[in-house]
Amino acid sequence: MPDDLVRRLRASTLFSRLSEDEFKSVLGLLRARTVNEGQILVLAGAPDTHLYILRKGRMLIRAPEKGGKDPVIRFVNPGEILNELPFVTGHPSEVTIETVTPVQLWYIPRGEFQQLLEREGYIREHLTYTPEEEKYIKQHR
């Protein structure tokens, strides 16, 4: 695994307080995926709750609006982490994530991550959430 991507994942808010052993357990869940240009990776409202890390290529994020508009809100570059809120909450994404070029991704399946948390519950105690995630979790309990 490229060190820079592992460092970015390690530095993410969610995993920043994990011990080395706990983080290695999370790394053991990583899977690789390649997606062609012009494909939708995550569709707003769809149940994809994987956590993605863009390894190579370029993507964009669209935010659906009333009236059928679907404007681009930002572009995604290698090293960025995607779909974190659905990964944390289990709720569908509110944005669409689409490839601009062919991309290589790493991802962590939420179901496997939840199984890890069930087996090794102490990991849950060391996860750190962004203010947006905290708010969402409190509102949807």
N, C-alpha and C. Protein backbone atom coordinates (compact mmCIF):
# COMPACT_ATOMS: atom_id res chain seq x y z
N MET A 1 0.83 -1.18 0.00
CA MET A 1 0.00 0.00 0.00
C MET A 1 0.88 1.25 0.00
N PRO A 2 0.57 2.20 -0.84
CA PRO A 2 1.36 3.44 -0.83
C PRO A 2 1.27 4.14 0.53
N ASP A 3 2.43 4.49 1.06
CA ASP A 3 2.51 5.10 2.39
C ASP A 3 1.70 6.38 2.52
N ASP A 4 1.67 7.21 1.46
CA ASP A 4 0.96 8.49 1.57
C ASP A 4 -0.54 8.28 1.76
N LEU A 5 -1.12 7.27 1.11
CA LEU A 5 -2.55 7.02 1.29
C LEU A 5 -2.85 6.43 2.66
N VAL A 6 -1.97 5.58 3.14
CA VAL A 6 -2.15 5.04 4.48
C VAL A 6 -2.06 6.17 5.51
N ARG A 7 -1.11 7.09 5.30
CA ARG A 7 -0.99 8.24 6.21
C ARG A 7 -2.25 9.10 6.19
N ARG A 8 -2.80 9.31 5.01
CA ARG A 8 -4.03 10.12 4.92
C ARG A 8 -5.20 9.45 5.64
N LEU A 9 -5.32 8.15 5.45
CA LEU A 9 -6.38 7.42 6.13
C LEU A 9 -6.17 7.47 7.64
N ARG A 10 -4.93 7.29 8.05
CA ARG A 10 -4.58 7.31 9.47
C ARG A 10 -4.88 8.67 10.09
N ALA A 11 -4.65 9.74 9.31
CA ALA A 11 -4.85 11.10 9.80
C ALA A 11 -6.31 11.55 9.74
N SER A 12 -7.15 10.76 9.08
CA SER A 12 -8.56 11.15 8.99
C SER A 12 -9.15 11.25 10.39
N THR A 13 -10.11 12.11 10.55
CA THR A 13 -10.74 12.31 11.86
C THR A 13 -11.20 10.97 12.44
N LEU A 14 -11.85 10.17 11.64
CA LEU A 14 -12.45 8.92 12.11
C LEU A 14 -11.44 7.99 12.76
N PHE A 15 -10.26 7.83 12.16
CA PHE A 15 -9.29 6.85 12.63
C PHE A 15 -8.11 7.45 13.40
N SER A 16 -8.12 8.74 13.64
CA SER A 16 -6.96 9.43 14.20
C SER A 16 -6.56 8.96 15.60
N ARG A 17 -7.50 8.45 16.39
CA ARG A 17 -7.19 8.04 17.77
C ARG A 17 -6.99 6.53 17.94
N LEU A 18 -7.03 5.79 16.86
CA LEU A 18 -6.85 4.34 16.96
C LEU A 18 -5.40 4.01 17.29
N SER A 19 -5.20 2.95 18.05
CA SER A 19 -3.84 2.46 18.31
C SER A 19 -3.31 1.86 17.00
N GLU A 20 -2.03 1.57 16.97
CA GLU A 20 -1.45 0.97 15.76
C GLU A 20 -2.10 -0.37 15.46
N ASP A 21 -2.32 -1.19 16.46
CA ASP A 21 -2.96 -2.49 16.25
C ASP A 21 -4.39 -2.35 15.76
N GLU A 22 -5.12 -1.40 16.34
CA GLU A 22 -6.50 -1.16 15.90
C GLU A 22 -6.52 -0.70 14.45
N PHE A 23 -5.61 0.20 14.11
CA PHE A 23 -5.56 0.70 12.73
C PHE A 23 -5.18 -0.42 11.76
N LYS A 24 -4.27 -1.30 12.16
CA LYS A 24 -3.90 -2.44 11.30
C LYS A 24 -5.12 -3.34 11.07
N SER A 25 -5.96 -3.49 12.06
CA SER A 25 -7.20 -4.27 11.88
C SER A 25 -8.09 -3.63 10.82
N VAL A 26 -8.18 -2.31 10.85
CA VAL A 26 -8.98 -1.59 9.84
C VAL A 26 -8.34 -1.74 8.47
N LEU A 27 -7.03 -1.61 8.38
CA LEU A 27 -6.34 -1.76 7.09
C LEU A 27 -6.58 -3.14 6.48
N GLY A 28 -6.75 -4.14 7.33
CA GLY A 28 -7.02 -5.49 6.86
C GLY A 28 -8.34 -5.62 6.11
N LEU A 29 -9.20 -4.63 6.23
CA LEU A 29 -10.50 -4.64 5.56
C LEU A 29 -10.45 -3.99 4.18
N LEU A 30 -9.35 -3.30 3.85
CA LEU A 30 -9.27 -2.57 2.58
C LEU A 30 -9.38 -3.50 1.38
N ARG A 31 -10.15 -3.07 0.40
CA ARG A 31 -10.31 -3.77 -0.88
C ARG A 31 -9.98 -2.79 -2.00
N ALA A 32 -9.61 -3.31 -3.15
CA ALA A 32 -9.28 -2.46 -4.31
C ALA A 32 -10.40 -2.56 -5.34
N ARG A 33 -10.58 -1.48 -6.07
CA ARG A 33 -11.60 -1.45 -7.12
C ARG A 33 -11.17 -0.48 -8.20
N THR A 34 -11.44 -0.81 -9.45
CA THR A 34 -11.19 0.06 -10.58
C THR A 34 -12.54 0.39 -11.21
N VAL A 35 -12.72 1.67 -11.57
CA VAL A 35 -13.98 2.11 -12.18
C VAL A 35 -13.63 2.93 -13.41
N ASN A 36 -14.32 2.68 -14.51
CA ASN A 36 -14.07 3.38 -15.76
C ASN A 36 -14.53 4.83 -15.71
N GLU A 37 -14.05 5.60 -16.65
CA GLU A 37 -14.43 7.01 -16.80
C GLU A 37 -15.93 7.14 -17.04
N GLY A 38 -16.53 8.18 -16.45
CA GLY A 38 -17.94 8.49 -16.69
C GLY A 38 -18.92 7.59 -15.95
N GLN A 39 -18.46 6.86 -14.96
CA GLN A 39 -19.33 5.97 -14.20
C GLN A 39 -19.73 6.61 -12.87
N ILE A 40 -20.90 6.27 -12.40
CA ILE A 40 -21.33 6.73 -11.09
C ILE A 40 -20.89 5.69 -10.06
N LEU A 41 -20.12 6.14 -9.09
CA LEU A 41 -19.67 5.27 -8.01
C LEU A 41 -20.74 5.19 -6.93
N VAL A 42 -21.23 6.36 -6.51
CA VAL A 42 -22.27 6.44 -5.48
C VAL A 42 -23.37 7.35 -6.01
N LEU A 43 -24.59 6.87 -5.97
CA LEU A 43 -25.74 7.66 -6.41
C LEU A 43 -26.46 8.20 -5.18
N ALA A 44 -26.75 9.48 -5.18
CA ALA A 44 -27.47 10.09 -4.05
C ALA A 44 -28.74 9.28 -3.77
N GLY A 45 -28.92 8.94 -2.50
CA GLY A 45 -30.09 8.19 -2.09
C GLY A 45 -29.92 6.68 -2.16
N ALA A 46 -28.85 6.22 -2.80
CA ALA A 46 -28.61 4.78 -2.90
C ALA A 46 -27.93 4.27 -1.62
N PRO A 47 -28.06 2.99 -1.33
CA PRO A 47 -27.57 2.46 -0.06
C PRO A 47 -26.08 2.11 -0.02
N ASP A 48 -25.24 2.72 -0.84
CA ASP A 48 -23.80 2.43 -0.81
C ASP A 48 -23.18 3.12 0.41
N THR A 49 -22.71 2.33 1.36
CA THR A 49 -22.16 2.90 2.58
C THR A 49 -20.68 2.55 2.77
N HIS A 50 -20.02 2.18 1.68
CA HIS A 50 -18.58 1.91 1.76
C HIS A 50 -17.81 3.21 1.98
N LEU A 51 -16.66 3.12 2.61
CA LEU A 51 -15.74 4.25 2.73
C LEU A 51 -14.74 4.10 1.60
N TYR A 52 -14.57 5.15 0.78
CA TYR A 52 -13.68 5.10 -0.38
C TYR A 52 -12.48 6.01 -0.19
N ILE A 53 -11.35 5.58 -0.72
CA ILE A 53 -10.14 6.40 -0.78
C ILE A 53 -9.69 6.39 -2.23
N LEU A 54 -9.65 7.57 -2.85
CA LEU A 54 -9.25 7.66 -4.24
C LEU A 54 -7.74 7.48 -4.34
N ARG A 55 -7.31 6.45 -5.06
CA ARG A 55 -5.88 6.18 -5.22
C ARG A 55 -5.32 6.86 -6.47
N LYS A 56 -6.00 6.68 -7.60
CA LYS A 56 -5.56 7.29 -8.86
C LYS A 56 -6.78 7.74 -9.63
N GLY A 57 -6.61 8.85 -10.38
CA GLY A 57 -7.68 9.35 -11.22
C GLY A 57 -8.33 10.58 -10.62
N ARG A 58 -9.48 10.93 -11.19
CA ARG A 58 -10.19 12.13 -10.76
C ARG A 58 -11.68 11.86 -10.76
N MET A 59 -12.36 12.42 -9.76
CA MET A 59 -13.79 12.23 -9.63
C MET A 59 -14.45 13.58 -9.36
N LEU A 60 -15.78 13.59 -9.40
CA LEU A 60 -16.51 14.79 -9.04
C LEU A 60 -17.67 14.41 -8.14
N ILE A 61 -18.13 15.40 -7.39
CA ILE A 61 -19.26 15.21 -6.50
C ILE A 61 -20.36 16.17 -6.92
N ARG A 62 -21.55 15.61 -7.08
CA ARG A 62 -22.74 16.40 -7.43
C ARG A 62 -23.71 16.38 -6.26
N ALA A 63 -24.40 17.50 -6.07
CA ALA A 63 -25.42 17.58 -5.02
C ALA A 63 -26.78 17.83 -5.67
N PRO A 64 -27.64 16.83 -5.66
CA PRO A 64 -28.96 17.00 -6.28
C PRO A 64 -29.75 18.13 -5.61
N GLU A 65 -30.45 18.89 -6.44
CA GLU A 65 -31.29 19.97 -5.94
C GLU A 65 -32.71 19.76 -6.43
N LYS A 66 -33.64 20.44 -5.78
CA LYS A 66 -35.02 20.41 -6.26
C LYS A 66 -35.05 21.02 -7.65
N GLY A 67 -35.93 20.53 -8.49
CA GLY A 67 -36.02 21.04 -9.84
C GLY A 67 -35.16 20.25 -10.80
N GLY A 68 -34.55 19.18 -10.32
CA GLY A 68 -33.78 18.31 -11.20
C GLY A 68 -32.36 18.73 -11.48
N LYS A 69 -31.91 19.82 -10.90
CA LYS A 69 -30.53 20.24 -11.12
C LYS A 69 -29.60 19.35 -10.29
N ASP A 70 -28.43 19.15 -10.83
CA ASP A 70 -27.47 18.26 -10.19
C ASP A 70 -26.07 18.86 -10.35
N PRO A 71 -25.84 20.06 -9.75
CA PRO A 71 -24.58 20.76 -10.00
C PRO A 71 -23.37 20.08 -9.34
N VAL A 72 -22.23 20.27 -10.00
CA VAL A 72 -20.96 19.79 -9.44
C VAL A 72 -20.60 20.71 -8.28
N ILE A 73 -20.34 20.12 -7.11
CA ILE A 73 -19.96 20.95 -5.97
C ILE A 73 -18.45 20.95 -5.74
N ARG A 74 -17.78 19.88 -6.21
CA ARG A 74 -16.33 19.88 -6.14
C ARG A 74 -15.75 18.69 -6.87
N PHE A 75 -14.45 18.80 -7.18
CA PHE A 75 -13.71 17.70 -7.79
C PHE A 75 -12.91 17.00 -6.71
N VAL A 76 -12.63 15.73 -6.93
CA VAL A 76 -11.92 14.89 -5.96
C VAL A 76 -10.59 14.46 -6.57
N ASN A 77 -9.53 14.57 -5.80
CA ASN A 77 -8.20 14.20 -6.27
C ASN A 77 -7.65 13.03 -5.46
N PRO A 78 -6.62 12.37 -5.95
CA PRO A 78 -6.04 11.23 -5.24
C PRO A 78 -5.71 11.56 -3.78
N GLY A 79 -5.98 10.58 -2.94
CA GLY A 79 -5.72 10.73 -1.51
C GLY A 79 -6.93 11.15 -0.71
N GLU A 80 -7.98 11.60 -1.38
CA GLU A 80 -9.16 12.06 -0.65
C GLU A 80 -10.04 10.88 -0.24
N ILE A 81 -10.69 11.05 0.90
CA ILE A 81 -11.59 10.04 1.46
C ILE A 81 -13.01 10.45 1.13
N LEU A 82 -13.81 9.48 0.68
CA LEU A 82 -15.16 9.76 0.21
C LEU A 82 -16.20 8.90 0.91
N ASN A 83 -17.40 9.42 1.01
CA ASN A 83 -18.57 8.69 1.50
C ASN A 83 -18.47 8.39 3.00
N GLU A 84 -17.80 9.26 3.74
CA GLU A 84 -17.58 8.99 5.15
C GLU A 84 -18.86 9.04 5.98
N LEU A 85 -19.75 10.01 5.70
CA LEU A 85 -20.98 10.11 6.48
C LEU A 85 -21.85 8.85 6.34
N PRO A 86 -22.10 8.34 5.14
CA PRO A 86 -22.85 7.08 5.03
C PRO A 86 -22.12 5.90 5.68
N PHE A 87 -20.81 5.89 5.62
CA PHE A 87 -20.02 4.83 6.25
C PHE A 87 -20.23 4.84 7.76
N VAL A 88 -20.24 6.02 8.34
CA VAL A 88 -20.39 6.15 9.79
C VAL A 88 -21.83 5.89 10.23
N THR A 89 -22.80 6.42 9.49
CA THR A 89 -24.20 6.38 9.93
C THR A 89 -25.00 5.21 9.38
N GLY A 90 -24.58 4.68 8.22
CA GLY A 90 -25.37 3.64 7.57
C GLY A 90 -26.51 4.18 6.74
N HIS A 91 -26.65 5.50 6.68
CA HIS A 91 -27.71 6.12 5.89
C HIS A 91 -27.21 6.42 4.47
N PRO A 92 -28.12 6.48 3.50
CA PRO A 92 -27.72 6.73 2.11
C PRO A 92 -26.98 8.06 1.94
N SER A 93 -26.17 8.11 0.93
CA SER A 93 -25.43 9.33 0.60
C SER A 93 -26.39 10.41 0.12
N GLU A 94 -26.03 11.65 0.41
CA GLU A 94 -26.82 12.79 -0.05
C GLU A 94 -26.23 13.38 -1.32
N VAL A 95 -25.12 12.81 -1.79
CA VAL A 95 -24.46 13.31 -3.00
C VAL A 95 -24.22 12.15 -3.96
N THR A 96 -23.98 12.51 -5.21
CA THR A 96 -23.59 11.55 -6.24
C THR A 96 -22.09 11.73 -6.49
N ILE A 97 -21.37 10.61 -6.54
CA ILE A 97 -19.92 10.64 -6.79
C ILE A 97 -19.70 9.92 -8.11
N GLU A 98 -19.03 10.62 -9.04
CA GLU A 98 -18.88 10.14 -10.41
C GLU A 98 -17.43 10.24 -10.85
N THR A 99 -17.01 9.32 -11.71
CA THR A 99 -15.63 9.35 -12.21
C THR A 99 -15.51 10.32 -13.38
N VAL A 100 -14.40 11.04 -13.42
CA VAL A 100 -14.08 11.94 -14.54
C VAL A 100 -13.08 11.25 -15.45
N THR A 101 -12.19 10.48 -14.85
CA THR A 101 -11.21 9.67 -15.56
C THR A 101 -11.35 8.25 -15.03
N PRO A 102 -10.68 7.27 -15.64
CA PRO A 102 -10.64 5.96 -14.98
C PRO A 102 -10.00 6.13 -13.60
N VAL A 103 -10.51 5.43 -12.61
CA VAL A 103 -10.00 5.60 -11.25
C VAL A 103 -9.66 4.25 -10.63
N GLN A 104 -8.72 4.32 -9.68
CA GLN A 104 -8.43 3.19 -8.81
C GLN A 104 -8.77 3.64 -7.40
N LEU A 105 -9.50 2.80 -6.71
CA LEU A 105 -9.97 3.13 -5.36
C LEU A 105 -9.59 2.03 -4.39
N TRP A 106 -9.47 2.42 -3.15
CA TRP A 106 -9.50 1.48 -2.05
C TRP A 106 -10.82 1.73 -1.37
N TYR A 107 -11.38 0.70 -0.78
CA TYR A 107 -12.61 0.91 -0.03
C TYR A 107 -12.67 -0.05 1.14
N ILE A 108 -13.44 0.36 2.14
CA ILE A 108 -13.70 -0.48 3.30
C ILE A 108 -15.21 -0.73 3.31
N PRO A 109 -15.64 -1.97 3.17
CA PRO A 109 -17.07 -2.26 3.23
C PRO A 109 -17.61 -2.00 4.64
N ARG A 110 -18.67 -1.24 4.73
CA ARG A 110 -19.23 -0.90 6.04
C ARG A 110 -19.64 -2.14 6.83
N GLY A 111 -20.22 -3.12 6.16
CA GLY A 111 -20.64 -4.33 6.85
C GLY A 111 -19.48 -5.05 7.52
N GLU A 112 -18.36 -5.14 6.83
CA GLU A 112 -17.18 -5.78 7.42
C GLU A 112 -16.61 -4.94 8.56
N PHE A 113 -16.69 -3.62 8.41
CA PHE A 113 -16.22 -2.73 9.48
C PHE A 113 -17.09 -2.90 10.72
N GLN A 114 -18.40 -3.00 10.52
CA GLN A 114 -19.31 -3.18 11.64
C GLN A 114 -19.05 -4.53 12.34
N GLN A 115 -18.74 -5.55 11.56
CA GLN A 115 -18.39 -6.85 12.15
C GLN A 115 -17.11 -6.75 12.97
N LEU A 116 -16.14 -5.99 12.47
CA LEU A 116 -14.91 -5.77 13.22
C LEU A 116 -15.22 -5.08 14.55
N LEU A 117 -16.09 -4.08 14.52
CA LEU A 117 -16.46 -3.38 15.75
C LEU A 117 -17.20 -4.29 16.73
N GLU A 118 -17.97 -5.22 16.21
CA GLU A 118 -18.66 -6.17 17.09
C GLU A 118 -17.66 -7.13 17.75
N ARG A 119 -16.66 -7.58 16.98
CA ARG A 119 -15.65 -8.50 17.51
C ARG A 119 -14.70 -7.81 18.47
N GLU A 120 -14.32 -6.58 18.10
CA GLU A 120 -13.31 -5.83 18.86
C GLU A 120 -13.91 -4.49 19.26
N GLY A 121 -14.88 -4.53 20.16
CA GLY A 121 -15.68 -3.37 20.55
C GLY A 121 -14.88 -2.18 21.05
N TYR A 122 -13.71 -2.44 21.60
CA TYR A 122 -12.87 -1.35 22.10
C TYR A 122 -12.46 -0.38 21.00
N ILE A 123 -12.46 -0.83 19.74
CA ILE A 123 -12.12 0.06 18.63
C ILE A 123 -13.14 1.19 18.55
N ARG A 124 -14.42 0.86 18.74
CA ARG A 124 -15.49 1.86 18.67
C ARG A 124 -15.22 3.03 19.62
N GLU A 125 -14.66 2.73 20.78
CA GLU A 125 -14.37 3.77 21.78
C GLU A 125 -13.30 4.75 21.31
N HIS A 126 -12.51 4.35 20.33
CA HIS A 126 -11.42 5.21 19.86
C HIS A 126 -11.71 5.91 18.53
N LEU A 127 -12.89 5.68 17.98
CA LEU A 127 -13.27 6.38 16.75
C LEU A 127 -13.61 7.83 17.10
N THR A 128 -13.29 8.74 16.19
CA THR A 128 -13.56 10.16 16.39
C THR A 128 -14.42 10.64 15.23
N TYR A 129 -15.47 11.38 15.54
CA TYR A 129 -16.40 11.84 14.52
C TYR A 129 -16.27 13.34 14.30
N THR A 130 -16.54 13.76 13.05
CA THR A 130 -16.56 15.18 12.74
C THR A 130 -17.81 15.78 13.37
N PRO A 131 -17.87 17.09 13.54
CA PRO A 131 -19.10 17.72 14.07
C PRO A 131 -20.34 17.37 13.23
N GLU A 132 -20.18 17.31 11.92
CA GLU A 132 -21.31 16.97 11.04
C GLU A 132 -21.79 15.54 11.33
N GLU A 133 -20.86 14.62 11.51
CA GLU A 133 -21.23 13.23 11.81
C GLU A 133 -21.90 13.13 13.18
N GLU A 134 -21.33 13.82 14.17
CA GLU A 134 -21.92 13.82 15.51
C GLU A 134 -23.37 14.32 15.46
N LYS A 135 -23.59 15.42 14.76
CA LYS A 135 -24.92 16.00 14.64
C LYS A 135 -25.87 15.02 13.97
N TYR A 136 -25.44 14.41 12.90
CA TYR A 136 -26.26 13.46 12.15
C TYR A 136 -26.61 12.26 13.02
N ILE A 137 -25.64 11.74 13.74
CA ILE A 137 -25.86 10.59 14.60
C ILE A 137 -26.88 10.91 15.69
N LYS A 138 -26.75 12.08 16.31
CA LYS A 138 -27.69 12.48 17.36
C LYS A 138 -29.10 12.65 16.82
N GLN A 139 -29.23 13.23 15.63
CA GLN A 139 -30.54 13.49 15.05
C GLN A 139 -31.25 12.20 14.62
N HIS A 140 -30.50 11.16 14.30
CA HIS A 140 -31.11 9.95 13.74
C HIS A 140 -31.10 8.76 14.69
N ARG A 141 -30.91 9.02 15.96
CA ARG A 141 -30.96 7.91 16.95
C ARG A 141 -32.38 7.55 17.25
